[in-house]
Amino acid sequence: MLVRRDSGMLAAVDPYLQTERVTLRRFGADGAELLTELDSDPAVMRYLSGGEPTPLELYRDQGIPGILAAYDRWAGAFGLFAAYETAGSAFVGWFCLRPERDGPLDEAELGYRLRQAAWGRGLATEVSAALLAKAFTELDVRMVWGETMALNRASQRVMEKVGMVVTEKLETPDDMLAVEGAELGGYRYEITREQWELAQGLPHTPAR
C-alpha cells in the first residue's frame, strides 16, 4: 500500500493497525522532524515538559534510533507508531503499545500524543480501544497500563472510556517537578484481559 507522508514522499509500508479514521505505521529513519513538530506546540507538551519543545537533535540522536531498535527487539509486535488519518494520510501524532524495556511481554503500556487539530474528535479513544483489542486477542497480553498527570483530565477520560481504572496514585518524577500540577502527582490506570473480555461480553481466555 502506498502512503503519502507529510514530506510528500511515498512509501510502501504495511500498517500496524487501522481503524475507520486512523492508521498506525512504523516510524522511519526520517521521523525526527514529525516528532519535533508535534512537540513544538506548548499545549501538546503542557503536562509533559511544561510546554517546552523537544530539540530535533534529541529525536535524531536518541529518539528515532530507540524507536527503530524497539521494532527489532519485539519483532514488530510492540512499539511506538506514527498515526496518520486513514483518509488523506495527514500525520496526527503517535500511539504506543509496548512492554517496559526489560519487563514481561504480557504487560504493555498504552500511550498517545496527538496534534491539537486532532483533539476533541474521539481519535484517541478510537485507536486506544483498537489497541486494547489487538493486545488481548493477538499479542497474548495479560494487562495494559497507562500513566498520566492528575490535572490531565483529557488523557484520563480516554483511558476511562476504554475501560481502564485507576490502580495507583503516583508521585511526580523529579524531572517533571516544574510542570503545571506537579504537586498533585498522577495516576496509573490498568485493565486486564479478563476485565476487557467481560466488558466485551466474551468468555475469558486464560493466558498461554
N, C-alpha and C. Protein backbone atom coordinates (compact mmCIF):
# COMPACT_ATOMS: atom_id res chain seq x y z
N MET A 1 0.85 -1.20 0.00
CA MET A 1 0.00 0.00 0.00
C MET A 1 0.88 1.24 0.00
N LEU A 2 0.57 2.20 -0.85
CA LEU A 2 1.34 3.43 -0.91
C LEU A 2 0.77 4.45 0.06
N VAL A 3 1.63 5.07 0.82
CA VAL A 3 1.21 6.05 1.81
C VAL A 3 1.92 7.36 1.55
N ARG A 4 1.18 8.46 1.54
CA ARG A 4 1.78 9.77 1.31
C ARG A 4 2.18 10.39 2.63
N ARG A 5 3.46 10.62 2.80
CA ARG A 5 3.98 11.25 4.01
C ARG A 5 3.78 12.76 3.93
N ASP A 6 3.84 13.45 5.09
CA ASP A 6 3.73 14.91 5.10
C ASP A 6 4.84 15.54 4.27
N SER A 7 5.98 14.86 4.15
CA SER A 7 7.10 15.41 3.39
C SER A 7 6.85 15.31 1.89
N GLY A 8 5.75 14.62 1.50
CA GLY A 8 5.46 14.45 0.09
C GLY A 8 6.01 13.17 -0.47
N MET A 9 6.82 12.42 0.31
CA MET A 9 7.39 11.18 -0.16
C MET A 9 6.38 10.06 -0.05
N LEU A 10 6.46 9.08 -0.94
CA LEU A 10 5.59 7.92 -0.90
C LEU A 10 6.40 6.72 -0.47
N ALA A 11 5.79 5.90 0.38
CA ALA A 11 6.49 4.70 0.84
C ALA A 11 5.49 3.57 0.99
N ALA A 12 5.92 2.36 0.68
CA ALA A 12 5.07 1.19 0.84
C ALA A 12 5.35 0.58 2.21
N VAL A 13 4.39 0.69 3.13
CA VAL A 13 4.56 0.19 4.48
C VAL A 13 3.26 -0.46 4.92
N ASP A 14 3.33 -1.69 5.40
CA ASP A 14 2.14 -2.34 5.92
C ASP A 14 1.75 -1.68 7.23
N PRO A 15 0.47 -1.41 7.43
CA PRO A 15 0.06 -0.77 8.68
C PRO A 15 0.17 -1.70 9.87
N TYR A 16 0.47 -1.14 11.03
CA TYR A 16 0.47 -1.90 12.27
C TYR A 16 -0.96 -2.13 12.73
N LEU A 17 -1.79 -1.10 12.52
CA LEU A 17 -3.19 -1.17 12.93
C LEU A 17 -3.96 -0.11 12.15
N GLN A 18 -5.19 -0.40 11.80
CA GLN A 18 -6.02 0.58 11.09
C GLN A 18 -7.42 0.58 11.65
N THR A 19 -7.92 1.77 11.97
CA THR A 19 -9.30 1.95 12.38
C THR A 19 -10.02 2.73 11.27
N GLU A 20 -11.26 3.08 11.52
CA GLU A 20 -12.01 3.80 10.50
C GLU A 20 -11.34 5.10 10.10
N ARG A 21 -10.75 5.81 11.08
CA ARG A 21 -10.22 7.13 10.81
C ARG A 21 -8.71 7.27 10.94
N VAL A 22 -8.04 6.29 11.54
CA VAL A 22 -6.61 6.41 11.83
C VAL A 22 -5.88 5.13 11.42
N THR A 23 -4.70 5.32 10.85
CA THR A 23 -3.82 4.20 10.50
C THR A 23 -2.49 4.38 11.23
N LEU A 24 -2.04 3.34 11.92
CA LEU A 24 -0.75 3.37 12.60
C LEU A 24 0.29 2.65 11.77
N ARG A 25 1.46 3.29 11.61
CA ARG A 25 2.56 2.73 10.85
C ARG A 25 3.87 2.93 11.61
N ARG A 26 4.85 2.12 11.27
CA ARG A 26 6.17 2.30 11.86
C ARG A 26 6.75 3.65 11.46
N PHE A 27 7.46 4.27 12.39
CA PHE A 27 8.25 5.44 12.04
C PHE A 27 9.43 4.98 11.19
N GLY A 28 9.89 5.86 10.30
CA GLY A 28 11.10 5.62 9.54
C GLY A 28 12.25 6.41 10.12
N ALA A 29 13.40 6.26 9.51
CA ALA A 29 14.58 6.98 9.98
C ALA A 29 14.43 8.48 9.87
N ASP A 30 13.47 8.94 9.04
CA ASP A 30 13.25 10.38 8.84
C ASP A 30 12.15 10.92 9.74
N GLY A 31 11.76 10.16 10.78
CA GLY A 31 10.63 10.56 11.60
C GLY A 31 10.92 11.65 12.62
N ALA A 32 12.19 12.03 12.80
CA ALA A 32 12.53 13.02 13.82
C ALA A 32 11.84 14.35 13.58
N GLU A 33 11.71 14.75 12.31
CA GLU A 33 11.07 16.03 12.01
C GLU A 33 9.60 16.03 12.41
N LEU A 34 8.90 14.92 12.15
CA LEU A 34 7.49 14.83 12.54
C LEU A 34 7.33 14.93 14.05
N LEU A 35 8.16 14.22 14.78
CA LEU A 35 8.06 14.23 16.24
C LEU A 35 8.42 15.59 16.82
N THR A 36 9.42 16.23 16.24
CA THR A 36 9.82 17.56 16.71
C THR A 36 8.71 18.57 16.48
N GLU A 37 8.08 18.49 15.31
CA GLU A 37 6.98 19.41 15.01
C GLU A 37 5.82 19.20 15.98
N LEU A 38 5.50 17.94 16.28
CA LEU A 38 4.43 17.65 17.23
C LEU A 38 4.74 18.25 18.60
N ASP A 39 5.98 18.10 19.06
CA ASP A 39 6.37 18.58 20.39
C ASP A 39 6.62 20.08 20.44
N SER A 40 6.53 20.76 19.30
CA SER A 40 6.77 22.21 19.28
C SER A 40 5.56 22.99 19.76
N ASP A 41 4.42 22.34 19.92
CA ASP A 41 3.19 23.01 20.38
C ASP A 41 3.17 22.99 21.91
N PRO A 42 3.22 24.16 22.56
CA PRO A 42 3.23 24.20 24.02
C PRO A 42 2.02 23.51 24.64
N ALA A 43 0.86 23.55 23.97
CA ALA A 43 -0.34 22.91 24.52
C ALA A 43 -0.18 21.39 24.54
N VAL A 44 0.46 20.85 23.52
CA VAL A 44 0.69 19.40 23.47
C VAL A 44 1.62 18.97 24.60
N MET A 45 2.61 19.81 24.92
CA MET A 45 3.62 19.46 25.92
C MET A 45 3.31 19.98 27.31
N ARG A 46 2.12 20.52 27.51
CA ARG A 46 1.75 21.17 28.77
C ARG A 46 2.01 20.29 29.99
N TYR A 47 1.58 19.04 29.95
CA TYR A 47 1.72 18.16 31.11
C TYR A 47 2.91 17.20 30.98
N LEU A 48 3.78 17.47 30.02
CA LEU A 48 4.95 16.62 29.81
C LEU A 48 6.25 17.35 30.10
N SER A 49 6.34 18.58 29.61
CA SER A 49 7.57 19.35 29.82
C SER A 49 7.28 20.78 30.26
N GLY A 50 6.02 21.05 30.59
CA GLY A 50 5.66 22.42 30.92
C GLY A 50 5.56 23.30 29.70
N GLY A 51 5.44 22.69 28.52
CA GLY A 51 5.31 23.46 27.28
C GLY A 51 6.59 23.58 26.49
N GLU A 52 7.70 23.11 27.06
CA GLU A 52 8.99 23.21 26.36
C GLU A 52 9.05 22.21 25.21
N PRO A 53 9.54 22.63 24.04
CA PRO A 53 9.64 21.71 22.89
C PRO A 53 10.79 20.71 23.06
N THR A 54 10.75 19.66 22.29
CA THR A 54 11.84 18.67 22.28
C THR A 54 12.81 19.03 21.16
N PRO A 55 14.11 19.16 21.44
CA PRO A 55 15.08 19.51 20.39
C PRO A 55 15.13 18.45 19.29
N LEU A 56 15.27 18.89 18.06
CA LEU A 56 15.36 17.97 16.94
C LEU A 56 16.52 17.00 17.12
N GLU A 57 17.64 17.50 17.65
CA GLU A 57 18.81 16.65 17.81
C GLU A 57 18.54 15.48 18.74
N LEU A 58 17.68 15.68 19.74
CA LEU A 58 17.38 14.60 20.68
C LEU A 58 16.64 13.47 19.98
N TYR A 59 15.69 13.82 19.11
CA TYR A 59 14.98 12.78 18.36
C TYR A 59 15.88 12.12 17.33
N ARG A 60 16.74 12.92 16.67
CA ARG A 60 17.64 12.34 15.66
C ARG A 60 18.66 11.39 16.28
N ASP A 61 19.23 11.79 17.43
CA ASP A 61 20.33 11.04 18.01
C ASP A 61 19.88 9.92 18.93
N GLN A 62 18.72 10.09 19.59
CA GLN A 62 18.28 9.11 20.58
C GLN A 62 16.87 8.58 20.32
N GLY A 63 15.94 9.48 20.05
CA GLY A 63 14.54 9.08 19.94
C GLY A 63 14.27 8.08 18.83
N ILE A 64 14.57 8.47 17.60
CA ILE A 64 14.29 7.60 16.45
C ILE A 64 15.13 6.32 16.49
N PRO A 65 16.43 6.38 16.79
CA PRO A 65 17.18 5.12 16.91
C PRO A 65 16.58 4.18 17.95
N GLY A 66 16.09 4.73 19.05
CA GLY A 66 15.47 3.89 20.08
C GLY A 66 14.16 3.28 19.62
N ILE A 67 13.36 4.06 18.89
CA ILE A 67 12.09 3.57 18.36
C ILE A 67 12.33 2.44 17.36
N LEU A 68 13.31 2.63 16.46
CA LEU A 68 13.61 1.62 15.45
C LEU A 68 14.17 0.34 16.09
N ALA A 69 15.00 0.52 17.11
CA ALA A 69 15.56 -0.65 17.80
C ALA A 69 14.47 -1.45 18.50
N ALA A 70 13.46 -0.75 19.00
CA ALA A 70 12.36 -1.44 19.69
C ALA A 70 11.54 -2.29 18.72
N TYR A 71 11.38 -1.83 17.48
CA TYR A 71 10.69 -2.66 16.48
C TYR A 71 11.41 -4.00 16.31
N ASP A 72 12.73 -3.93 16.25
CA ASP A 72 13.51 -5.15 16.09
C ASP A 72 13.45 -6.00 17.36
N ARG A 73 13.54 -5.36 18.52
CA ARG A 73 13.56 -6.09 19.78
C ARG A 73 12.29 -6.92 19.94
N TRP A 74 11.15 -6.33 19.56
CA TRP A 74 9.87 -7.03 19.75
C TRP A 74 9.29 -7.56 18.44
N ALA A 75 10.13 -7.67 17.43
CA ALA A 75 9.74 -8.24 16.14
C ALA A 75 8.49 -7.58 15.56
N GLY A 76 8.35 -6.28 15.79
CA GLY A 76 7.24 -5.53 15.23
C GLY A 76 5.94 -5.69 15.96
N ALA A 77 5.90 -6.51 17.02
CA ALA A 77 4.65 -6.74 17.76
C ALA A 77 4.28 -5.54 18.62
N PHE A 78 5.29 -4.83 19.12
CA PHE A 78 5.07 -3.69 20.01
C PHE A 78 5.91 -2.52 19.53
N GLY A 79 5.62 -1.33 20.10
CA GLY A 79 6.44 -0.18 19.81
C GLY A 79 5.66 1.11 19.86
N LEU A 80 6.28 2.16 19.35
CA LEU A 80 5.67 3.48 19.22
C LEU A 80 5.46 3.74 17.74
N PHE A 81 4.21 4.07 17.35
CA PHE A 81 3.84 4.11 15.95
C PHE A 81 3.27 5.47 15.54
N ALA A 82 3.62 5.88 14.34
CA ALA A 82 3.10 7.13 13.78
C ALA A 82 1.63 6.96 13.41
N ALA A 83 0.83 7.96 13.73
CA ALA A 83 -0.61 7.93 13.45
C ALA A 83 -0.93 8.89 12.31
N TYR A 84 -1.59 8.35 11.29
CA TYR A 84 -2.00 9.13 10.13
C TYR A 84 -3.51 9.01 9.94
N GLU A 85 -4.13 10.08 9.45
CA GLU A 85 -5.53 9.97 9.08
C GLU A 85 -5.66 8.94 7.97
N THR A 86 -6.59 8.01 8.12
CA THR A 86 -6.79 6.98 7.10
C THR A 86 -7.18 7.61 5.77
N ALA A 87 -8.00 8.64 5.84
CA ALA A 87 -8.38 9.38 4.63
C ALA A 87 -7.51 10.63 4.53
N GLY A 88 -6.59 10.65 3.59
CA GLY A 88 -5.74 11.82 3.40
C GLY A 88 -4.32 11.66 3.89
N SER A 89 -4.09 10.75 4.85
CA SER A 89 -2.75 10.43 5.34
C SER A 89 -2.03 11.58 6.05
N ALA A 90 -2.76 12.53 6.61
CA ALA A 90 -2.13 13.59 7.39
C ALA A 90 -1.62 13.02 8.71
N PHE A 91 -0.40 13.41 9.12
CA PHE A 91 0.17 12.98 10.39
C PHE A 91 -0.59 13.64 11.53
N VAL A 92 -1.06 12.84 12.49
CA VAL A 92 -1.82 13.41 13.61
C VAL A 92 -1.16 13.17 14.96
N GLY A 93 -0.09 12.37 15.00
CA GLY A 93 0.58 12.15 16.28
C GLY A 93 1.11 10.73 16.38
N TRP A 94 1.14 10.19 17.59
CA TRP A 94 1.61 8.81 17.76
C TRP A 94 0.84 8.10 18.86
N PHE A 95 0.90 6.77 18.80
CA PHE A 95 0.37 5.89 19.83
C PHE A 95 1.44 4.85 20.14
N CYS A 96 1.45 4.37 21.37
CA CYS A 96 2.36 3.27 21.69
C CYS A 96 1.62 2.15 22.39
N LEU A 97 2.08 0.96 22.14
CA LEU A 97 1.69 -0.25 22.87
C LEU A 97 2.98 -1.04 23.01
N ARG A 98 3.52 -1.10 24.24
CA ARG A 98 4.85 -1.70 24.39
C ARG A 98 5.09 -2.12 25.84
N PRO A 99 5.83 -3.20 26.03
CA PRO A 99 6.27 -3.58 27.38
C PRO A 99 7.36 -2.61 27.85
N GLU A 100 7.67 -2.66 29.11
CA GLU A 100 8.82 -1.92 29.59
C GLU A 100 10.09 -2.56 29.02
N ARG A 101 11.16 -1.80 28.98
CA ARG A 101 12.40 -2.22 28.30
C ARG A 101 12.82 -3.63 28.67
N ASP A 102 12.82 -3.94 29.95
CA ASP A 102 13.21 -5.28 30.40
C ASP A 102 12.08 -5.95 31.17
N GLY A 103 10.85 -5.51 30.87
CA GLY A 103 9.70 -6.04 31.59
C GLY A 103 9.08 -7.24 30.90
N PRO A 104 8.07 -7.84 31.52
CA PRO A 104 7.40 -9.00 30.93
C PRO A 104 6.61 -8.61 29.69
N LEU A 105 6.56 -9.50 28.71
CA LEU A 105 5.88 -9.21 27.45
C LEU A 105 4.36 -9.23 27.58
N ASP A 106 3.84 -9.75 28.70
CA ASP A 106 2.39 -9.79 28.84
C ASP A 106 1.84 -8.59 29.60
N GLU A 107 2.68 -7.58 29.83
CA GLU A 107 2.24 -6.31 30.42
C GLU A 107 2.71 -5.19 29.50
N ALA A 108 1.77 -4.40 28.97
CA ALA A 108 2.12 -3.40 27.96
C ALA A 108 1.58 -2.03 28.32
N GLU A 109 2.36 -1.01 28.01
CA GLU A 109 1.95 0.37 28.22
C GLU A 109 1.15 0.87 27.02
N LEU A 110 0.04 1.56 27.29
CA LEU A 110 -0.71 2.29 26.28
C LEU A 110 -0.39 3.77 26.42
N GLY A 111 -0.03 4.44 25.32
CA GLY A 111 0.26 5.86 25.37
C GLY A 111 -0.12 6.53 24.07
N TYR A 112 -0.24 7.86 24.09
CA TYR A 112 -0.65 8.60 22.89
C TYR A 112 -0.26 10.06 23.05
N ARG A 113 0.01 10.70 21.90
CA ARG A 113 0.28 12.14 21.85
C ARG A 113 -0.21 12.63 20.49
N LEU A 114 -1.16 13.56 20.49
CA LEU A 114 -1.80 13.99 19.25
C LEU A 114 -1.68 15.49 19.04
N ARG A 115 -1.64 15.90 17.78
CA ARG A 115 -1.69 17.31 17.44
C ARG A 115 -2.99 17.93 17.94
N GLN A 116 -2.96 19.23 18.21
CA GLN A 116 -4.17 19.91 18.66
C GLN A 116 -5.33 19.75 17.68
N ALA A 117 -5.02 19.74 16.38
CA ALA A 117 -6.07 19.62 15.37
C ALA A 117 -6.83 18.31 15.49
N ALA A 118 -6.23 17.32 16.17
CA ALA A 118 -6.88 16.01 16.33
C ALA A 118 -7.63 15.89 17.64
N TRP A 119 -7.53 16.89 18.51
CA TRP A 119 -8.18 16.82 19.81
C TRP A 119 -9.70 16.95 19.67
N GLY A 120 -10.41 16.34 20.59
CA GLY A 120 -11.85 16.50 20.66
C GLY A 120 -12.63 15.77 19.58
N ARG A 121 -11.98 14.89 18.85
CA ARG A 121 -12.63 14.16 17.75
C ARG A 121 -12.82 12.68 18.06
N GLY A 122 -12.40 12.27 19.24
CA GLY A 122 -12.55 10.88 19.62
C GLY A 122 -11.52 9.95 19.03
N LEU A 123 -10.46 10.50 18.41
CA LEU A 123 -9.46 9.66 17.77
C LEU A 123 -8.64 8.86 18.78
N ALA A 124 -8.28 9.49 19.90
CA ALA A 124 -7.50 8.78 20.91
C ALA A 124 -8.28 7.60 21.47
N THR A 125 -9.57 7.79 21.70
CA THR A 125 -10.40 6.71 22.21
C THR A 125 -10.56 5.60 21.17
N GLU A 126 -10.78 5.99 19.93
CA GLU A 126 -10.97 5.02 18.84
C GLU A 126 -9.75 4.12 18.69
N VAL A 127 -8.57 4.72 18.65
CA VAL A 127 -7.36 3.94 18.45
C VAL A 127 -6.98 3.16 19.71
N SER A 128 -7.16 3.76 20.87
CA SER A 128 -6.85 3.06 22.13
C SER A 128 -7.70 1.80 22.27
N ALA A 129 -8.97 1.90 21.94
CA ALA A 129 -9.84 0.73 22.01
C ALA A 129 -9.36 -0.36 21.06
N ALA A 130 -8.92 0.03 19.87
CA ALA A 130 -8.42 -0.95 18.90
C ALA A 130 -7.10 -1.57 19.37
N LEU A 131 -6.26 -0.78 20.02
CA LEU A 131 -5.00 -1.31 20.54
C LEU A 131 -5.25 -2.31 21.67
N LEU A 132 -6.22 -2.03 22.52
CA LEU A 132 -6.56 -3.00 23.57
C LEU A 132 -7.02 -4.31 22.95
N ALA A 133 -7.87 -4.23 21.93
CA ALA A 133 -8.35 -5.43 21.27
C ALA A 133 -7.18 -6.22 20.67
N LYS A 134 -6.25 -5.51 20.05
CA LYS A 134 -5.07 -6.18 19.47
C LYS A 134 -4.23 -6.83 20.56
N ALA A 135 -4.02 -6.10 21.65
CA ALA A 135 -3.19 -6.62 22.74
C ALA A 135 -3.77 -7.91 23.32
N PHE A 136 -5.09 -7.92 23.54
CA PHE A 136 -5.70 -9.05 24.23
C PHE A 136 -6.11 -10.20 23.32
N THR A 137 -6.22 -9.96 22.02
CA THR A 137 -6.65 -11.03 21.12
C THR A 137 -5.54 -11.54 20.21
N GLU A 138 -4.50 -10.72 19.98
CA GLU A 138 -3.44 -11.13 19.06
C GLU A 138 -2.07 -11.28 19.72
N LEU A 139 -1.81 -10.53 20.78
CA LEU A 139 -0.45 -10.45 21.32
C LEU A 139 -0.27 -11.15 22.66
N ASP A 140 -1.30 -11.82 23.14
CA ASP A 140 -1.22 -12.58 24.39
C ASP A 140 -0.82 -11.70 25.58
N VAL A 141 -1.28 -10.45 25.56
CA VAL A 141 -1.03 -9.54 26.67
C VAL A 141 -2.03 -9.81 27.79
N ARG A 142 -1.55 -9.80 29.01
CA ARG A 142 -2.39 -10.05 30.18
C ARG A 142 -2.97 -8.77 30.78
N MET A 143 -2.17 -7.67 30.73
CA MET A 143 -2.59 -6.42 31.34
C MET A 143 -2.00 -5.24 30.58
N VAL A 144 -2.82 -4.20 30.38
CA VAL A 144 -2.37 -2.96 29.74
C VAL A 144 -2.48 -1.84 30.77
N TRP A 145 -1.48 -0.98 30.81
CA TRP A 145 -1.47 0.11 31.77
C TRP A 145 -1.11 1.43 31.08
N GLY A 146 -1.42 2.54 31.76
CA GLY A 146 -1.06 3.87 31.29
C GLY A 146 -0.95 4.80 32.47
N GLU A 147 -0.15 5.85 32.32
CA GLU A 147 0.05 6.81 33.40
C GLU A 147 -0.18 8.22 32.89
N THR A 148 -0.71 9.09 33.75
CA THR A 148 -0.99 10.46 33.34
C THR A 148 -0.98 11.37 34.56
N MET A 149 -0.75 12.65 34.33
CA MET A 149 -0.77 13.63 35.40
C MET A 149 -2.19 13.83 35.92
N ALA A 150 -2.30 14.18 37.20
CA ALA A 150 -3.62 14.34 37.82
C ALA A 150 -4.45 15.43 37.15
N LEU A 151 -3.80 16.49 36.64
CA LEU A 151 -4.52 17.58 36.00
C LEU A 151 -4.94 17.26 34.57
N ASN A 152 -4.39 16.19 34.01
CA ASN A 152 -4.64 15.90 32.60
C ASN A 152 -5.92 15.07 32.45
N ARG A 153 -7.06 15.72 32.62
CA ARG A 153 -8.34 15.02 32.57
C ARG A 153 -8.65 14.49 31.18
N ALA A 154 -8.16 15.16 30.13
CA ALA A 154 -8.44 14.67 28.78
C ALA A 154 -7.84 13.28 28.58
N SER A 155 -6.61 13.08 29.04
CA SER A 155 -5.97 11.78 28.92
C SER A 155 -6.68 10.75 29.79
N GLN A 156 -7.07 11.16 30.98
CA GLN A 156 -7.77 10.24 31.88
C GLN A 156 -9.10 9.78 31.28
N ARG A 157 -9.82 10.69 30.64
CA ARG A 157 -11.11 10.33 30.06
C ARG A 157 -10.96 9.28 28.96
N VAL A 158 -9.88 9.38 28.18
CA VAL A 158 -9.64 8.38 27.14
C VAL A 158 -9.51 7.00 27.77
N MET A 159 -8.67 6.89 28.79
CA MET A 159 -8.46 5.59 29.42
C MET A 159 -9.73 5.08 30.10
N GLU A 160 -10.49 5.98 30.69
CA GLU A 160 -11.74 5.57 31.32
C GLU A 160 -12.75 5.08 30.29
N LYS A 161 -12.79 5.72 29.13
CA LYS A 161 -13.74 5.33 28.08
C LYS A 161 -13.46 3.94 27.54
N VAL A 162 -12.20 3.51 27.56
CA VAL A 162 -11.87 2.18 27.05
C VAL A 162 -11.83 1.14 28.17
N GLY A 163 -12.29 1.52 29.35
CA GLY A 163 -12.46 0.56 30.43
C GLY A 163 -11.34 0.46 31.44
N MET A 164 -10.33 1.31 31.34
CA MET A 164 -9.22 1.26 32.28
C MET A 164 -9.60 1.97 33.58
N VAL A 165 -9.05 1.51 34.69
CA VAL A 165 -9.39 2.06 36.00
C VAL A 165 -8.12 2.42 36.76
N VAL A 166 -8.23 3.39 37.67
CA VAL A 166 -7.08 3.81 38.48
C VAL A 166 -6.71 2.70 39.46
N THR A 167 -5.44 2.36 39.49
CA THR A 167 -4.95 1.35 40.42
C THR A 167 -3.92 1.90 41.40
N GLU A 168 -3.41 3.10 41.11
CA GLU A 168 -2.35 3.63 41.97
C GLU A 168 -2.23 5.13 41.80
N LYS A 169 -1.99 5.84 42.91
CA LYS A 169 -1.67 7.26 42.89
C LYS A 169 -0.16 7.39 42.78
N LEU A 170 0.31 8.24 41.87
CA LEU A 170 1.74 8.34 41.59
C LEU A 170 2.32 9.67 42.04
N GLU A 171 3.58 9.66 42.44
CA GLU A 171 4.31 10.88 42.70
C GLU A 171 4.92 11.37 41.39
N THR A 172 5.06 12.68 41.25
CA THR A 172 5.63 13.24 40.04
C THR A 172 7.13 12.97 39.99
N PRO A 173 7.65 12.48 38.85
CA PRO A 173 9.10 12.26 38.74
C PRO A 173 9.87 13.56 38.93
N ASP A 174 11.09 13.45 39.42
CA ASP A 174 11.90 14.63 39.71
C ASP A 174 12.10 15.52 38.50
N ASP A 175 12.20 14.92 37.30
CA ASP A 175 12.45 15.73 36.10
C ASP A 175 11.20 16.42 35.58
N MET A 176 10.06 16.26 36.28
CA MET A 176 8.82 16.90 35.86
C MET A 176 8.24 17.80 36.96
N LEU A 177 9.03 18.12 37.97
CA LEU A 177 8.52 18.89 39.11
C LEU A 177 8.15 20.32 38.74
N ALA A 178 8.67 20.83 37.62
CA ALA A 178 8.34 22.19 37.19
C ALA A 178 7.06 22.24 36.36
N VAL A 179 6.49 21.08 36.03
CA VAL A 179 5.29 21.02 35.19
C VAL A 179 4.06 21.43 36.00
N GLU A 180 3.15 22.13 35.36
CA GLU A 180 1.91 22.55 36.00
C GLU A 180 1.21 21.36 36.64
N GLY A 181 0.83 21.51 37.92
CA GLY A 181 0.11 20.45 38.63
C GLY A 181 1.00 19.35 39.17
N ALA A 182 2.32 19.55 39.13
CA ALA A 182 3.24 18.51 39.59
C ALA A 182 2.99 18.12 41.04
N GLU A 183 2.56 19.10 41.83
CA GLU A 183 2.32 18.81 43.26
C GLU A 183 1.16 17.86 43.48
N LEU A 184 0.32 17.68 42.47
CA LEU A 184 -0.83 16.79 42.59
C LEU A 184 -0.51 15.35 42.19
N GLY A 185 0.65 15.14 41.60
CA GLY A 185 1.04 13.81 41.19
C GLY A 185 0.28 13.32 39.97
N GLY A 186 0.11 12.02 39.90
CA GLY A 186 -0.57 11.44 38.74
C GLY A 186 -1.27 10.15 39.11
N TYR A 187 -1.73 9.43 38.06
CA TYR A 187 -2.46 8.19 38.28
C TYR A 187 -1.96 7.12 37.32
N ARG A 188 -1.98 5.90 37.80
CA ARG A 188 -1.73 4.73 36.96
C ARG A 188 -3.08 4.05 36.71
N TYR A 189 -3.37 3.83 35.44
CA TYR A 189 -4.59 3.14 35.03
C TYR A 189 -4.22 1.76 34.52
N GLU A 190 -5.10 0.79 34.71
CA GLU A 190 -4.86 -0.56 34.22
C GLU A 190 -6.17 -1.20 33.74
N ILE A 191 -6.03 -2.18 32.87
CA ILE A 191 -7.12 -3.07 32.51
C ILE A 191 -6.51 -4.44 32.21
N THR A 192 -7.13 -5.49 32.75
CA THR A 192 -6.65 -6.85 32.50
C THR A 192 -7.43 -7.45 31.33
N ARG A 193 -6.88 -8.52 30.79
CA ARG A 193 -7.57 -9.21 29.71
C ARG A 193 -8.95 -9.69 30.18
N GLU A 194 -9.01 -10.21 31.41
CA GLU A 194 -10.28 -10.70 31.93
C GLU A 194 -11.31 -9.58 32.03
N GLN A 195 -10.89 -8.40 32.49
CA GLN A 195 -11.79 -7.25 32.58
C GLN A 195 -12.26 -6.81 31.19
N TRP A 196 -11.33 -6.81 30.24
CA TRP A 196 -11.69 -6.41 28.88
C TRP A 196 -12.66 -7.40 28.26
N GLU A 197 -12.39 -8.69 28.41
CA GLU A 197 -13.28 -9.71 27.86
C GLU A 197 -14.67 -9.63 28.47
N LEU A 198 -14.74 -9.38 29.76
CA LEU A 198 -16.03 -9.23 30.44
C LEU A 198 -16.81 -8.06 29.86
N ALA A 199 -16.11 -6.93 29.64
CA ALA A 199 -16.76 -5.74 29.07
C ALA A 199 -17.25 -5.97 27.65
N GLN A 200 -16.55 -6.85 26.92
CA GLN A 200 -16.94 -7.15 25.54
C GLN A 200 -17.98 -8.26 25.46
N GLY A 201 -18.31 -8.86 26.60
CA GLY A 201 -19.25 -9.97 26.60
C GLY A 201 -18.66 -11.25 26.07
N LEU A 202 -17.31 -11.40 26.23
CA LEU A 202 -16.61 -12.57 25.72
C LEU A 202 -16.23 -13.51 26.85
N PRO A 203 -16.10 -14.79 26.58
CA PRO A 203 -15.62 -15.72 27.60
C PRO A 203 -14.15 -15.47 27.88
N HIS A 204 -13.75 -15.64 29.12
CA HIS A 204 -12.36 -15.38 29.48
C HIS A 204 -11.44 -16.40 28.83
N THR A 205 -10.33 -15.90 28.26
CA THR A 205 -9.33 -16.75 27.63
C THR A 205 -8.09 -16.78 28.52
N PRO A 206 -7.78 -17.91 29.18
CA PRO A 206 -6.58 -17.98 30.04
C PRO A 206 -5.32 -17.71 29.23
N ALA A 207 -4.33 -17.10 29.88
CA ALA A 207 -3.04 -16.85 29.23
C ALA A 207 -2.38 -18.16 28.87
N ARG A 208 -1.68 -18.19 27.72
CA ARG A 208 -1.00 -19.40 27.29
C ARG A 208 0.35 -19.53 28.00
